[in-house]
Amino acid sequence: MAYVILLVIGVALLIMPLSVPVFKSNAQYSVLNTGWNGTSSFGKLLYSKGGVTPILGPYDSVGLDGDRGTLVVIGPNLPFTKGEIEALRKFLQEGNTLLLADDFGTGNQLLEGLGLRERFSSRSPLTPIYLKNGNFPITADIKPPLSEDVNFLVMYKPSVILNPENPLVMTPNGTYLDGRYGSFAIVDVVPYGKGKIVLVSDPDIFTNSLFGENERFIENLLTYLPGPYLIDEAHHRDFNPYSSGTITIRRAVNRKLVFYYVLFIAILAFVIESGLWIKPFELAFSLLFRLFGERKEDVEEIVKSLEQEGLDGEVLRKMLSEIQTGSKLGGGNGR
């Protein structure tokens, strides 16, 4: 019965569902926000592309210099300290990447601190092409490698990038901004030390509400950016995980693992029930007896000396005899 219980418990542990804790937040652009203005869908895609680690504290306290990959900053609205900017500078100079997606947040402070001439505009442009209404402009002016299988990019009240260095996405020609008509940069790439900075002038591209329309574009962007990924949650003013729960993951049956476990239990039962586990002890006692058996006089002398110490010599001789014959271990005088 004991073997059946071991078998049932072991197989159950191999196939039972896993309960994984999950947290939520209502902060805009947070990967923990599953609402329309959160980026939880983007976070799942990040994870599938090479893992994602949330940054929940200042850059200079979490040790950015020990990390490799891409730091993702979406819609920051808290200021960056001098220590954070220096930590980020070192992170970039060592060959890593920054993805900064912002429109009217604190992204310009970061660009200024890093000594860049690029800036996010303080106003949204008016474009001649849009999806639902003027708040949702679209553009098809997308350069490789971001353009593969992408027909257009959908935005929501974007800004533009002023003084771009290497634009990869532009607004449609005829876009109006601050008294000027033309085409303005939406995505720009800026080399920095051994690394690079990718600027996106609309963080709403990554939100759950527009993720369906822009998923292919975002996949291309992540292919362009090296993993693993670090995502900044520390610069969202309203970031606060307000609830937690669990999700259940059902595991597929690993038939090979179950087979080996059943085989192990079967072998264990056979060894115990057949008495094979006793054989090593029999062999050990047999070797000991043979060592002493060749010099019976020495054994008798040891017994006599022990008798002088107050032990019962007859009992000792009986024990040695039983070891010799194996009568207590299933030997010739045993079962």
Protein backbone atom coordinates (compact mmCIF):
# COMPACT_ATOMS: atom_id res chain seq x y z
CA MET A 1 0.00 0.00 0.00
CA ALA A 2 2.90 2.34 0.81
CA TYR A 3 4.24 1.97 -2.72
CA VAL A 4 0.85 2.84 -4.22
CA ILE A 5 0.70 6.01 -2.10
CA LEU A 6 4.23 7.00 -3.20
CA LEU A 7 3.26 6.38 -6.81
CA VAL A 8 0.06 8.45 -6.65
CA ILE A 9 1.69 11.38 -4.82
CA GLY A 10 4.69 11.47 -7.16
CA VAL A 11 2.67 11.39 -10.38
CA ALA A 12 0.27 14.01 -9.00
CA LEU A 13 3.18 16.38 -8.28
CA LEU A 14 4.43 15.93 -11.84
CA ILE A 15 1.14 16.81 -13.52
CA MET A 16 -0.69 19.08 -11.07
CA PRO A 17 -1.33 22.70 -12.17
CA LEU A 18 0.92 25.51 -10.95
CA SER A 19 -0.45 28.59 -9.21
CA VAL A 20 1.54 31.70 -10.12
CA PRO A 21 1.07 35.01 -8.25
CA VAL A 22 0.24 38.08 -10.35
CA PHE A 23 0.10 41.77 -9.45
CA LYS A 24 -1.82 44.66 -10.97
CA SER A 25 -1.43 48.42 -11.12
CA ASN A 26 -3.47 51.25 -12.60
CA ALA A 27 -0.43 53.41 -13.46
CA GLN A 28 -0.47 54.62 -17.05
CA TYR A 29 2.04 52.79 -19.27
CA SER A 30 2.81 50.21 -16.56
CA VAL A 31 3.34 46.60 -17.62
CA LEU A 32 1.27 45.62 -14.56
CA ASN A 33 -1.71 47.62 -15.86
CA THR A 34 -4.10 45.41 -17.83
CA GLY A 35 -6.40 48.33 -18.66
CA TRP A 36 -6.57 50.21 -21.95
CA ASN A 37 -3.81 52.66 -20.94
CA GLY A 38 -1.46 49.98 -19.56
CA THR A 39 1.24 48.04 -21.40
CA SER A 40 0.67 44.51 -20.08
CA SER A 41 0.39 43.05 -23.61
CA PHE A 42 3.69 44.67 -24.51
CA GLY A 43 5.18 43.25 -21.30
CA LYS A 44 4.14 39.72 -22.30
CA LEU A 45 5.76 40.21 -25.70
CA LEU A 46 8.94 41.46 -24.01
CA TYR A 47 9.01 38.33 -21.86
CA SER A 48 8.57 36.03 -24.86
CA LYS A 49 11.42 37.77 -26.69
CA GLY A 50 14.09 37.26 -24.06
CA GLY A 51 12.89 37.95 -20.55
CA VAL A 52 12.00 41.16 -18.77
CA THR A 53 13.13 42.60 -15.42
CA PRO A 54 11.21 45.51 -13.84
CA ILE A 55 13.26 48.42 -12.50
CA LEU A 56 11.51 49.60 -9.33
CA GLY A 57 14.12 51.97 -7.92
CA PRO A 58 16.60 54.69 -8.99
CA TYR A 59 19.08 53.55 -11.63
CA ASP A 60 22.09 54.29 -9.44
CA SER A 61 20.74 52.12 -6.61
CA VAL A 62 19.64 49.07 -8.64
CA GLY A 63 23.06 48.65 -10.27
CA LEU A 64 22.44 49.27 -13.97
CA ASP A 65 26.14 48.88 -14.70
CA GLY A 66 25.90 45.16 -14.05
CA ASP A 67 23.12 44.62 -16.60
CA ARG A 68 23.21 43.98 -20.32
CA GLY A 69 20.56 44.48 -22.98
CA THR A 70 17.94 47.19 -23.42
CA LEU A 71 16.42 49.51 -20.84
CA VAL A 72 12.81 50.33 -21.80
CA VAL A 73 11.38 53.63 -20.51
CA ILE A 74 7.77 54.31 -21.54
CA GLY A 75 5.95 57.53 -20.64
CA PRO A 76 8.09 58.69 -17.69
CA ASN A 77 6.50 61.43 -15.58
CA LEU A 78 8.90 61.62 -12.63
CA PRO A 79 12.23 63.50 -12.79
CA PHE A 80 15.56 61.75 -13.21
CA THR A 81 18.31 62.46 -10.68
CA LYS A 82 21.91 63.27 -11.61
CA GLY A 83 22.96 59.90 -10.21
CA GLU A 84 20.44 58.11 -12.43
CA ILE A 85 21.61 59.97 -15.53
CA GLU A 86 25.24 59.08 -14.78
CA ALA A 87 24.31 55.43 -14.25
CA LEU A 88 22.43 55.45 -17.56
CA ARG A 89 25.34 57.16 -19.31
CA LYS A 90 27.69 54.38 -18.17
CA PHE A 91 25.10 51.75 -19.17
CA LEU A 92 25.02 53.16 -22.72
CA GLN A 93 28.77 53.69 -23.03
CA GLU A 94 29.32 50.02 -22.21
CA GLY A 95 27.39 49.05 -25.35
CA ASN A 96 23.79 48.76 -24.16
CA THR A 97 20.58 50.29 -25.52
CA LEU A 98 17.93 52.70 -24.25
CA LEU A 99 14.39 52.71 -25.68
CA LEU A 100 12.79 55.99 -24.60
CA ALA A 101 9.14 56.43 -25.61
CA ASP A 102 7.64 59.75 -24.50
CA ASP A 103 5.59 62.70 -25.65
CA PHE A 104 4.95 65.27 -22.91
CA GLY A 105 6.58 63.64 -19.88
CA THR A 106 10.07 63.99 -18.43
CA GLY A 107 11.92 62.45 -21.37
CA ASN A 108 13.46 65.78 -22.41
CA GLN A 109 15.15 66.09 -19.01
CA LEU A 110 16.85 62.76 -19.65
CA LEU A 111 17.94 63.81 -23.16
CA GLU A 112 19.34 67.07 -21.84
CA GLY A 113 21.18 65.30 -19.02
CA LEU A 114 22.79 62.93 -21.53
CA GLY A 115 23.95 65.91 -23.60
CA LEU A 116 21.80 65.17 -26.67
CA ARG A 117 20.35 67.78 -29.01
CA GLU A 118 17.20 65.74 -29.76
CA ARG A 119 13.99 66.79 -28.01
CA PHE A 120 10.33 65.73 -27.90
CA SER A 121 8.08 68.52 -29.17
CA SER A 122 5.78 70.24 -26.69
CA ARG A 123 2.79 70.00 -29.06
CA SER A 124 1.09 67.37 -31.17
CA PRO A 125 1.29 67.71 -34.96
CA LEU A 126 -1.75 67.86 -37.22
CA THR A 127 -1.59 65.15 -39.84
CA PRO A 128 -3.65 64.73 -42.99
CA ILE A 129 -4.14 60.97 -42.45
CA TYR A 130 -5.78 59.43 -39.41
CA LEU A 131 -7.67 56.29 -38.38
CA LYS A 132 -10.75 57.19 -36.30
CA ASN A 133 -10.34 60.93 -35.91
CA GLY A 134 -7.56 63.50 -35.72
CA ASN A 135 -6.42 62.12 -32.35
CA PHE A 136 -5.34 58.88 -34.05
CA PRO A 137 -2.90 59.83 -36.82
CA ILE A 138 -1.32 57.08 -38.89
CA THR A 139 1.79 56.88 -41.03
CA ALA A 140 3.15 54.45 -43.58
CA ASP A 141 6.54 56.19 -43.86
CA ILE A 142 8.45 53.43 -42.05
CA LYS A 143 11.99 52.37 -42.94
CA PRO A 144 13.58 48.91 -42.66
CA PRO A 145 14.00 46.92 -40.49
CA LEU A 146 10.84 48.25 -38.80
CA SER A 147 8.72 48.14 -41.94
CA GLU A 148 8.64 44.37 -42.54
CA ASP A 149 5.00 43.23 -42.92
CA VAL A 150 3.79 46.57 -41.49
CA ASN A 151 1.24 48.60 -43.50
CA PHE A 152 1.01 51.57 -41.15
CA LEU A 153 1.60 52.71 -37.57
CA VAL A 154 -1.31 53.98 -35.43
CA MET A 155 -0.62 56.71 -32.85
CA TYR A 156 -2.59 58.68 -30.29
CA LYS A 157 -1.87 62.42 -29.86
CA PRO A 158 1.87 61.97 -30.50
CA SER A 159 4.63 64.53 -30.27
CA VAL A 160 7.51 64.52 -32.78
CA ILE A 161 11.28 64.33 -32.40
CA LEU A 162 13.08 67.58 -33.06
CA ASN A 163 16.64 67.58 -34.44
CA PRO A 164 16.56 63.86 -35.35
CA GLU A 165 19.79 62.09 -36.31
CA ASN A 166 18.64 58.88 -38.00
CA PRO A 167 14.83 58.80 -38.42
CA LEU A 168 13.23 55.41 -39.02
CA VAL A 169 9.57 56.52 -38.90
CA MET A 170 8.21 59.84 -40.19
CA THR A 171 4.79 61.48 -40.19
CA PRO A 172 3.03 61.83 -43.58
CA ASN A 173 4.21 64.70 -45.74
CA GLY A 174 1.99 67.76 -45.23
CA THR A 175 1.93 67.39 -41.43
CA TYR A 176 1.57 70.74 -39.66
CA LEU A 177 3.49 71.76 -36.51
CA ASP A 178 4.21 75.25 -35.14
CA GLY A 179 3.66 77.07 -38.42
CA ARG A 180 5.56 74.54 -40.53
CA TYR A 181 4.38 71.88 -42.98
CA GLY A 182 6.41 68.82 -43.74
CA SER A 183 7.35 65.37 -42.47
CA PHE A 184 8.51 64.98 -38.86
CA ALA A 185 10.35 62.15 -37.08
CA ILE A 186 8.41 59.71 -34.89
CA VAL A 187 11.21 57.16 -34.31
CA ASP A 188 14.88 58.14 -34.26
CA VAL A 189 18.13 56.28 -33.52
CA VAL A 190 21.00 58.08 -31.80
CA PRO A 191 24.43 56.42 -31.31
CA TYR A 192 25.81 56.90 -27.79
CA GLY A 193 29.23 55.59 -26.79
CA LYS A 194 29.29 51.91 -27.70
CA GLY A 195 25.50 51.75 -27.39
CA LYS A 196 22.51 53.52 -28.87
CA ILE A 197 19.30 55.31 -27.94
CA VAL A 198 16.02 54.65 -29.77
CA LEU A 199 13.53 57.50 -29.37
CA VAL A 200 9.80 57.04 -29.95
CA SER A 201 7.65 60.17 -29.72
CA ASP A 202 4.43 58.38 -28.78
CA PRO A 203 4.28 56.04 -25.76
CA ASP A 204 0.66 55.18 -26.61
CA ILE A 205 1.92 52.97 -29.43
CA PHE A 206 2.70 50.38 -26.74
CA THR A 207 -0.58 50.57 -24.81
CA ASN A 208 -3.12 47.76 -24.72
CA SER A 209 -5.62 49.91 -26.65
CA LEU A 210 -3.34 50.16 -29.70
CA PHE A 211 -1.29 46.99 -29.28
CA GLY A 212 -3.44 45.00 -31.73
CA GLU A 213 -2.91 47.52 -34.54
CA ASN A 214 0.81 47.94 -33.83
CA GLU A 215 1.86 44.45 -32.72
CA ARG A 216 3.83 43.62 -35.87
CA PHE A 217 5.66 46.96 -35.75
CA ILE A 218 6.53 46.40 -32.06
CA GLU A 219 7.81 42.90 -32.84
CA ASN A 220 10.11 44.38 -35.50
CA LEU A 221 11.29 47.00 -33.02
CA LEU A 222 12.14 44.37 -30.40
CA THR A 223 14.03 42.35 -33.01
CA TYR A 224 16.07 45.51 -33.62
CA LEU A 225 16.70 45.94 -29.88
CA PRO A 226 18.97 43.45 -28.07
CA GLY A 227 17.60 41.51 -25.11
CA PRO A 228 17.28 40.82 -22.27
CA TYR A 229 15.02 43.73 -21.38
CA LEU A 230 14.80 45.96 -18.33
CA ILE A 231 11.60 47.99 -18.02
CA ASP A 232 11.36 51.15 -15.94
CA GLU A 233 8.43 51.23 -13.50
CA ALA A 234 10.13 53.65 -11.08
CA HIS A 235 9.33 56.78 -13.13
CA HIS A 236 5.56 56.30 -13.25
CA ARG A 237 4.11 58.67 -10.67
CA ASP A 238 1.05 56.57 -9.89
CA PHE A 239 2.82 53.22 -9.87
CA ASN A 240 1.51 51.14 -6.98
CA PRO A 241 0.58 47.45 -7.22
CA TYR A 242 -2.91 47.63 -5.74
CA SER A 243 -3.97 44.00 -5.87
CA SER A 244 -2.57 40.53 -6.24
CA GLY A 245 -4.01 37.21 -7.26
CA THR A 246 -3.02 33.96 -8.91
CA ILE A 247 -3.24 32.43 -12.32
CA THR A 248 -3.28 28.68 -12.90
CA ILE A 249 -0.94 27.11 -15.42
CA ARG A 250 -1.78 23.57 -16.45
CA ARG A 251 1.29 21.50 -17.21
CA ALA A 252 1.40 18.98 -20.02
CA VAL A 253 2.08 15.41 -18.89
CA ASN A 254 5.73 14.51 -19.33
CA ARG A 255 5.21 10.85 -20.16
CA LYS A 256 8.91 10.04 -20.11
CA LEU A 257 9.35 11.51 -16.62
CA VAL A 258 6.25 9.67 -15.33
CA PHE A 259 7.56 6.41 -16.80
CA TYR A 260 10.91 6.76 -15.04
CA TYR A 261 9.21 7.58 -11.74
CA VAL A 262 6.94 4.51 -11.96
CA LEU A 263 9.99 2.39 -12.86
CA PHE A 264 11.86 3.75 -9.81
CA ILE A 265 8.98 2.85 -7.47
CA ALA A 266 8.77 -0.65 -8.99
CA ILE A 267 12.51 -1.26 -8.51
CA LEU A 268 12.34 0.11 -4.96
CA ALA A 269 9.47 -2.25 -4.09
CA PHE A 270 11.28 -5.24 -5.63
CA VAL A 271 14.53 -4.57 -3.76
CA ILE A 272 12.80 -4.14 -0.39
CA GLU A 273 10.33 -7.02 -0.71
CA SER A 274 12.90 -9.49 -2.06
CA GLY A 275 15.39 -8.76 0.70
CA LEU A 276 18.10 -7.77 -1.74
CA TRP A 277 18.86 -4.73 0.40
CA ILE A 278 20.14 -7.14 3.12
CA LYS A 279 22.80 -8.67 0.87
CA PRO A 280 25.35 -5.85 1.25
CA PHE A 281 25.15 -6.21 5.05
CA GLU A 282 25.57 -9.98 4.79
CA LEU A 283 28.65 -9.46 2.65
CA ALA A 284 30.15 -7.00 5.12
CA PHE A 285 29.62 -9.31 8.11
CA SER A 286 30.94 -12.24 6.10
CA LEU A 287 34.15 -10.38 5.31
CA LEU A 288 34.58 -9.39 8.94
CA PHE A 289 34.03 -12.96 10.09
CA ARG A 290 36.50 -14.34 7.54
CA LEU A 291 39.12 -11.90 8.74
CA PHE A 292 38.62 -13.04 12.32
CA GLY A 293 37.86 -16.66 11.40
CA GLU A 294 41.36 -17.29 10.13
CA ARG A 295 42.69 -16.47 13.61
CA LYS A 296 40.26 -18.11 16.04
CA GLU A 297 42.77 -17.87 18.86
CA ASP A 298 42.76 -14.08 18.61
CA VAL A 299 38.96 -14.01 18.69
CA GLU A 300 38.90 -16.23 21.79
CA GLU A 301 41.47 -13.99 23.46
CA ILE A 302 39.32 -10.92 22.73
CA VAL A 303 36.26 -12.66 24.19
CA LYS A 304 38.18 -13.62 27.34
CA SER A 305 39.45 -10.07 27.79
CA LEU A 306 35.90 -8.77 27.45
CA GLU A 307 34.76 -11.34 30.05
CA GLN A 308 37.26 -9.80 32.43
CA GLU A 309 35.58 -6.47 31.83
CA GLY A 310 32.30 -7.96 33.06
CA LEU A 311 30.66 -8.95 29.75
CA ASP A 312 28.95 -12.32 29.26
CA GLY A 313 31.35 -14.45 27.19
CA GLU A 314 28.67 -16.98 26.20
CA VAL A 315 26.49 -14.25 24.69
CA LEU A 316 29.46 -12.88 22.73
CA ARG A 317 30.31 -16.37 21.38
CA LYS A 318 26.67 -16.91 20.41
CA MET A 319 26.59 -13.58 18.49
CA LEU A 320 29.79 -14.47 16.63
CA SER A 321 28.38 -17.90 15.81
CA GLU A 322 25.20 -16.35 14.40
CA ILE A 323 27.25 -13.97 12.25
CA GLN A 324 29.27 -16.93 11.00
CA THR A 325 26.24 -19.06 10.10
CA GLY A 326 24.03 -16.11 8.99
CA SER A 327 21.17 -17.42 11.14
CA LYS A 328 19.90 -13.88 11.81
CA LEU A 329 20.40 -12.71 8.24
CA GLY A 330 18.69 -15.46 6.31
CA GLY A 331 21.77 -17.74 6.14
CA GLY A 332 22.01 -21.51 6.37
CA ASN A 333 20.50 -21.73 9.85
CA GLY A 334 17.95 -19.00 9.17
CA ARG A 335 14.83 -18.94 7.03
